[in-house]
Amino acid sequence: MEERAELPKPRFIFPPADVGDVMVEQLEFSLDHGEACTPGCLDCKRLATVRAALLRPFEGRLRK
């Protein structure tokens, strides 16, 4: 059986981004998205999903 040469391990030019920074950047993008969208806009749906998840712990308090 023929031996295969090992592939070199990938090297990153830049270190991976911090997960928190990426999440904040995505949230800022969604918030700045604007209101002039077409019906069913995927970015608006994503913002609604994120907003609902972030506000879920406060649901009982907000309804009083």
PDB file of N, CA and C in Angstrom:
ATOM      1  N   MET A   1       0.847  -1.179   0.000  1.00  0.00           N
ATOM      2  CA  MET A   1       0.000   0.000   0.000  1.00  0.00           C
ATOM      3  C   MET A   1       0.894   1.244   0.000  1.00  0.00           C
ATOM      4  N   GLU A   2       0.545   2.191  -0.813  1.00  0.00           N
ATOM      5  CA  GLU A   2       1.336   3.396  -0.962  1.00  0.00           C
ATOM      6  C   GLU A   2       1.105   4.356   0.204  1.00  0.00           C
ATOM      7  N   GLU A   3       2.180   4.914   0.746  1.00  0.00           N
ATOM      8  CA  GLU A   3       2.048   5.871   1.851  1.00  0.00           C
ATOM      9  C   GLU A   3       1.684   7.234   1.293  1.00  0.00           C
ATOM     10  N   ARG A   4       0.802   7.901   2.024  1.00  0.00           N
ATOM     11  CA  ARG A   4       0.418   9.255   1.612  1.00  0.00           C
ATOM     12  C   ARG A   4       1.153  10.261   2.480  1.00  0.00           C
ATOM     13  N   ALA A   5       1.569  11.308   1.855  1.00  0.00           N
ATOM     14  CA  ALA A   5       2.253  12.366   2.603  1.00  0.00           C
ATOM     15  C   ALA A   5       1.226  13.108   3.465  1.00  0.00           C
ATOM     16  N   GLU A   6       1.643  13.493   4.654  1.00  0.00           N
ATOM     17  CA  GLU A   6       0.742  14.245   5.537  1.00  0.00           C
ATOM     18  C   GLU A   6       0.563  15.653   5.002  1.00  0.00           C
ATOM     19  N   LEU A   7      -0.661  16.111   5.062  1.00  0.00           N
ATOM     20  CA  LEU A   7      -0.934  17.488   4.660  1.00  0.00           C
ATOM     21  C   LEU A   7      -0.414  18.434   5.725  1.00  0.00           C
ATOM     22  N   PRO A   8       0.118  19.574   5.316  1.00  0.00           N
ATOM     23  CA  PRO A   8       0.589  20.519   6.320  1.00  0.00           C
ATOM     24  C   PRO A   8      -0.585  21.063   7.132  1.00  0.00           C
ATOM     25  N   LYS A   9      -0.329  21.318   8.403  1.00  0.00           N
ATOM     26  CA  LYS A   9      -1.380  21.879   9.258  1.00  0.00           C
ATOM     27  C   LYS A   9      -1.641  23.318   8.833  1.00  0.00           C
ATOM     28  N   PRO A  10      -2.924  23.717   8.814  1.00  0.00           N
ATOM     29  CA  PRO A  10      -3.225  25.096   8.390  1.00  0.00           C
ATOM     30  C   PRO A  10      -2.636  26.108   9.364  1.00  0.00           C
ATOM     31  N   ARG A  11      -2.128  27.179   8.827  1.00  0.00           N
ATOM     32  CA  ARG A  11      -1.602  28.266   9.650  1.00  0.00           C
ATOM     33  C   ARG A  11      -2.512  29.461   9.461  1.00  0.00           C
ATOM     34  N   PHE A  12      -2.854  30.093  10.563  1.00  0.00           N
ATOM     35  CA  PHE A  12      -3.703  31.265  10.503  1.00  0.00           C
ATOM     36  C   PHE A  12      -2.829  32.502  10.362  1.00  0.00           C
ATOM     37  N   ILE A  13      -3.218  33.348   9.428  1.00  0.00           N
ATOM     38  CA  ILE A  13      -2.512  34.613   9.278  1.00  0.00           C
ATOM     39  C   ILE A  13      -2.912  35.533  10.426  1.00  0.00           C
ATOM     40  N   PHE A  14      -4.201  35.489  10.771  1.00  0.00           N
ATOM     41  CA  PHE A  14      -4.716  36.270  11.884  1.00  0.00           C
ATOM     42  C   PHE A  14      -5.246  35.296  12.934  1.00  0.00           C
ATOM     43  N   PRO A  15      -5.127  35.646  14.197  1.00  0.00           N
ATOM     44  CA  PRO A  15      -5.723  34.765  15.206  1.00  0.00           C
ATOM     45  C   PRO A  15      -7.238  34.783  15.081  1.00  0.00           C
ATOM     46  N   PRO A  16      -7.918  33.722  15.492  1.00  0.00           N
ATOM     47  CA  PRO A  16      -9.384  33.695  15.409  1.00  0.00           C
ATOM     48  C   PRO A  16      -9.997  34.839  16.202  1.00  0.00           C
ATOM     49  N   ALA A  17     -11.100  35.358  15.711  1.00  0.00           N
ATOM     50  CA  ALA A  17     -11.792  36.463  16.370  1.00  0.00           C
ATOM     51  C   ALA A  17     -12.448  35.975  17.661  1.00  0.00           C
ATOM     52  N   ASP A  18     -12.560  36.867  18.626  1.00  0.00           N
ATOM     53  CA  ASP A  18     -13.247  36.569  19.869  1.00  0.00           C
ATOM     54  C   ASP A  18     -14.743  36.373  19.581  1.00  0.00           C
ATOM     55  N   VAL A  19     -15.311  35.324  20.135  1.00  0.00           N
ATOM     56  CA  VAL A  19     -16.717  35.006  19.873  1.00  0.00           C
ATOM     57  C   VAL A  19     -17.627  36.149  20.312  1.00  0.00           C
ATOM     58  N   GLY A  20     -17.348  36.754  21.452  1.00  0.00           N
ATOM     59  CA  GLY A  20     -18.162  37.872  21.930  1.00  0.00           C
ATOM     60  C   GLY A  20     -18.132  39.049  20.972  1.00  0.00           C
ATOM     61  N   ASP A  21     -16.949  39.335  20.431  1.00  0.00           N
ATOM     62  CA  ASP A  21     -16.826  40.435  19.474  1.00  0.00           C
ATOM     63  C   ASP A  21     -17.641  40.164  18.211  1.00  0.00           C
ATOM     64  N   VAL A  22     -17.611  38.928  17.748  1.00  0.00           N
ATOM     65  CA  VAL A  22     -18.370  38.564  16.550  1.00  0.00           C
ATOM     66  C   VAL A  22     -19.867  38.699  16.818  1.00  0.00           C
ATOM     67  N   MET A  23     -20.311  38.259  17.994  1.00  0.00           N
ATOM     68  CA  MET A  23     -21.736  38.352  18.321  1.00  0.00           C
ATOM     69  C   MET A  23     -22.188  39.809  18.383  1.00  0.00           C
ATOM     70  N   VAL A  24     -21.372  40.672  18.992  1.00  0.00           N
ATOM     71  CA  VAL A  24     -21.722  42.090  19.074  1.00  0.00           C
ATOM     72  C   VAL A  24     -21.758  42.699  17.675  1.00  0.00           C
ATOM     73  N   GLU A  25     -20.798  42.348  16.836  1.00  0.00           N
ATOM     74  CA  GLU A  25     -20.768  42.868  15.475  1.00  0.00           C
ATOM     75  C   GLU A  25     -22.018  42.451  14.694  1.00  0.00           C
ATOM     76  N   GLN A  26     -22.426  41.202  14.837  1.00  0.00           N
ATOM     77  CA  GLN A  26     -23.622  40.728  14.153  1.00  0.00           C
ATOM     78  C   GLN A  26     -24.879  41.427  14.663  1.00  0.00           C
ATOM     79  N   LEU A  27     -24.946  41.657  15.974  1.00  0.00           N
ATOM     80  CA  LEU A  27     -26.091  42.353  16.558  1.00  0.00           C
ATOM     81  C   LEU A  27     -26.140  43.797  16.069  1.00  0.00           C
ATOM     82  N   GLU A  28     -24.984  44.457  16.026  1.00  0.00           N
ATOM     83  CA  GLU A  28     -24.938  45.832  15.511  1.00  0.00           C
ATOM     84  C   GLU A  28     -25.389  45.879  14.055  1.00  0.00           C
ATOM     85  N   PHE A  29     -24.964  44.905  13.254  1.00  0.00           N
ATOM     86  CA  PHE A  29     -25.397  44.856  11.859  1.00  0.00           C
ATOM     87  C   PHE A  29     -26.916  44.744  11.776  1.00  0.00           C
ATOM     88  N   SER A  30     -27.477  43.843  12.587  1.00  0.00           N
ATOM     89  CA  SER A  30     -28.927  43.650  12.553  1.00  0.00           C
ATOM     90  C   SER A  30     -29.667  44.898  12.994  1.00  0.00           C
ATOM     91  N   LEU A  31     -29.163  45.577  14.013  1.00  0.00           N
ATOM     92  CA  LEU A  31     -29.823  46.781  14.510  1.00  0.00           C
ATOM     93  C   LEU A  31     -29.735  47.930  13.506  1.00  0.00           C
ATOM     94  N   ASP A  32     -28.644  47.991  12.761  1.00  0.00           N
ATOM     95  CA  ASP A  32     -28.455  49.056  11.773  1.00  0.00           C
ATOM     96  C   ASP A  32     -29.061  48.714  10.413  1.00  0.00           C
ATOM     97  N   HIS A  33     -29.661  47.551  10.327  1.00  0.00           N
ATOM     98  CA  HIS A  33     -30.163  47.048   9.048  1.00  0.00           C
ATOM     99  C   HIS A  33     -31.157  48.004   8.397  1.00  0.00           C
ATOM    100  N   GLY A  34     -31.996  48.620   9.159  1.00  0.00           N
ATOM    101  CA  GLY A  34     -32.947  49.577   8.599  1.00  0.00           C
ATOM    102  C   GLY A  34     -34.340  48.995   8.460  1.00  0.00           C
ATOM    103  N   GLU A  35     -35.254  49.870   8.157  1.00  0.00           N
ATOM    104  CA  GLU A  35     -36.654  49.463   8.073  1.00  0.00           C
ATOM    105  C   GLU A  35     -37.167  49.396   6.636  1.00  0.00           C
ATOM    106  N   ALA A  36     -36.363  49.771   5.678  1.00  0.00           N
ATOM    107  CA  ALA A  36     -36.797  49.754   4.274  1.00  0.00           C
ATOM    108  C   ALA A  36     -36.463  48.402   3.657  1.00  0.00           C
ATOM    109  N   CYS A  37     -37.125  47.360   4.149  1.00  0.00           N
ATOM    110  CA  CYS A  37     -36.846  46.002   3.684  1.00  0.00           C
ATOM    111  C   CYS A  37     -38.036  45.449   2.924  1.00  0.00           C
ATOM    112  N   THR A  38     -37.759  44.404   2.210  1.00  0.00           N
ATOM    113  CA  THR A  38     -38.829  43.689   1.531  1.00  0.00           C
ATOM    114  C   THR A  38     -39.488  42.740   2.526  1.00  0.00           C
ATOM    115  N   PRO A  39     -40.751  42.415   2.332  1.00  0.00           N
ATOM    116  CA  PRO A  39     -41.399  41.459   3.229  1.00  0.00           C
ATOM    117  C   PRO A  39     -40.646  40.124   3.237  1.00  0.00           C
ATOM    118  N   GLY A  40     -40.478  39.576   4.429  1.00  0.00           N
ATOM    119  CA  GLY A  40     -39.776  38.297   4.559  1.00  0.00           C
ATOM    120  C   GLY A  40     -38.268  38.422   4.549  1.00  0.00           C
ATOM    121  N   CYS A  41     -37.748  39.609   4.784  1.00  0.00           N
ATOM    122  CA  CYS A  41     -36.295  39.844   4.796  1.00  0.00           C
ATOM    123  C   CYS A  41     -35.643  38.931   5.848  1.00  0.00           C
ATOM    124  N   LEU A  42     -34.634  38.172   5.443  1.00  0.00           N
ATOM    125  CA  LEU A  42     -33.973  37.241   6.351  1.00  0.00           C
ATOM    126  C   LEU A  42     -33.260  37.955   7.492  1.00  0.00           C
ATOM    127  N   ASP A  43     -32.677  39.128   7.229  1.00  0.00           N
ATOM    128  CA  ASP A  43     -31.999  39.864   8.296  1.00  0.00           C
ATOM    129  C   ASP A  43     -32.994  40.369   9.338  1.00  0.00           C
ATOM    130  N   CYS A  44     -34.171  40.788   8.897  1.00  0.00           N
ATOM    131  CA  CYS A  44     -35.202  41.226   9.843  1.00  0.00           C
ATOM    132  C   CYS A  44     -35.724  40.047  10.668  1.00  0.00           C
ATOM    133  N   LYS A  45     -35.861  38.895  10.044  1.00  0.00           N
ATOM    134  CA  LYS A  45     -36.284  37.694  10.778  1.00  0.00           C
ATOM    135  C   LYS A  45     -35.237  37.321  11.820  1.00  0.00           C
ATOM    136  N   ARG A  46     -33.963  37.410  11.443  1.00  0.00           N
ATOM    137  CA  ARG A  46     -32.880  37.096  12.374  1.00  0.00           C
ATOM    138  C   ARG A  46     -32.911  38.051  13.562  1.00  0.00           C
ATOM    139  N   LEU A  47     -33.122  39.342  13.308  1.00  0.00           N
ATOM    140  CA  LEU A  47     -33.190  40.317  14.393  1.00  0.00           C
ATOM    141  C   LEU A  47     -34.360  40.015  15.320  1.00  0.00           C
ATOM    142  N   ALA A  48     -35.511  39.653  14.772  1.00  0.00           N
ATOM    143  CA  ALA A  48     -36.670  39.321  15.600  1.00  0.00           C
ATOM    144  C   ALA A  48     -36.385  38.112  16.478  1.00  0.00           C
ATOM    145  N   THR A  49     -35.698  37.121  15.934  1.00  0.00           N
ATOM    146  CA  THR A  49     -35.339  35.928  16.708  1.00  0.00           C
ATOM    147  C   THR A  49     -34.382  36.271  17.834  1.00  0.00           C
ATOM    148  N   VAL A  50     -33.368  37.066  17.537  1.00  0.00           N
ATOM    149  CA  VAL A  50     -32.384  37.461  18.549  1.00  0.00           C
ATOM    150  C   VAL A  50     -33.048  38.322  19.618  1.00  0.00           C
ATOM    151  N   ARG A  51     -33.870  39.280  19.199  1.00  0.00           N
ATOM    152  CA  ARG A  51     -34.555  40.151  20.153  1.00  0.00           C
ATOM    153  C   ARG A  51     -35.423  39.321  21.105  1.00  0.00           C
ATOM    154  N   ALA A  52     -36.171  38.367  20.563  1.00  0.00           N
ATOM    155  CA  ALA A  52     -37.032  37.523  21.399  1.00  0.00           C
ATOM    156  C   ALA A  52     -36.203  36.719  22.400  1.00  0.00           C
ATOM    157  N   ALA A  53     -35.074  36.183  21.949  1.00  0.00           N
ATOM    158  CA  ALA A  53     -34.225  35.394  22.844  1.00  0.00           C
ATOM    159  C   ALA A  53     -33.623  36.267  23.949  1.00  0.00           C
ATOM    160  N   LEU A  54     -33.202  37.471  23.597  1.00  0.00           N
ATOM    161  CA  LEU A  54     -32.593  38.357  24.593  1.00  0.00           C
ATOM    162  C   LEU A  54     -33.608  38.880  25.609  1.00  0.00           C
ATOM    163  N   LEU A  55     -34.848  39.067  25.177  1.00  0.00           N
ATOM    164  CA  LEU A  55     -35.874  39.603  26.072  1.00  0.00           C
ATOM    165  C   LEU A  55     -36.627  38.528  26.850  1.00  0.00           C
ATOM    166  N   ARG A  56     -36.439  37.263  26.496  1.00  0.00           N
ATOM    167  CA  ARG A  56     -37.171  36.170  27.150  1.00  0.00           C
ATOM    168  C   ARG A  56     -37.055  36.193  28.681  1.00  0.00           C
ATOM    169  N   PRO A  57     -35.867  36.413  29.269  1.00  0.00           N
ATOM    170  CA  PRO A  57     -35.780  36.424  30.731  1.00  0.00           C
ATOM    171  C   PRO A  57     -36.596  37.543  31.394  1.00  0.00           C
ATOM    172  N   PHE A  58     -36.952  38.563  30.635  1.00  0.00           N
ATOM    173  CA  PHE A  58     -37.651  39.714  31.196  1.00  0.00           C
ATOM    174  C   PHE A  58     -39.141  39.729  30.882  1.00  0.00           C
ATOM    175  N   GLU A  59     -39.662  38.681  30.232  1.00  0.00           N
ATOM    176  CA  GLU A  59     -41.060  38.664  29.789  1.00  0.00           C
ATOM    177  C   GLU A  59     -42.032  38.970  30.906  1.00  0.00           C
ATOM    178  N   GLY A  60     -41.900  38.325  32.045  1.00  0.00           N
ATOM    179  CA  GLY A  60     -42.817  38.548  33.164  1.00  0.00           C
ATOM    180  C   GLY A  60     -42.753  39.968  33.701  1.00  0.00           C
ATOM    181  N   ARG A  61     -41.585  40.522  33.736  1.00  0.00           N
ATOM    182  CA  ARG A  61     -41.383  41.878  34.261  1.00  0.00           C
ATOM    183  C   ARG A  61     -41.915  42.947  33.300  1.00  0.00           C
ATOM    184  N   LEU A  62     -41.809  42.694  32.002  1.00  0.00           N
ATOM    185  CA  LEU A  62     -42.233  43.693  31.010  1.00  0.00           C
ATOM    186  C   LEU A  62     -43.755  43.791  30.908  1.00  0.00           C
ATOM    187  N   ARG A  63     -44.457  42.745  31.272  1.00  0.00           N
ATOM    188  CA  ARG A  63     -45.920  42.739  31.127  1.00  0.00           C
ATOM    189  C   ARG A  63     -46.633  43.383  32.300  1.00  0.00           C
ATOM    190  N   LYS A  64     -45.955  43.665  33.372  1.00  0.00           N
ATOM    191  CA  LYS A  64     -46.590  44.258  34.566  1.00  0.00           C
ATOM    192  C   LYS A  64     -46.864  45.720  34.382  1.00  0.00           C
TER     193      LYS A  64
END
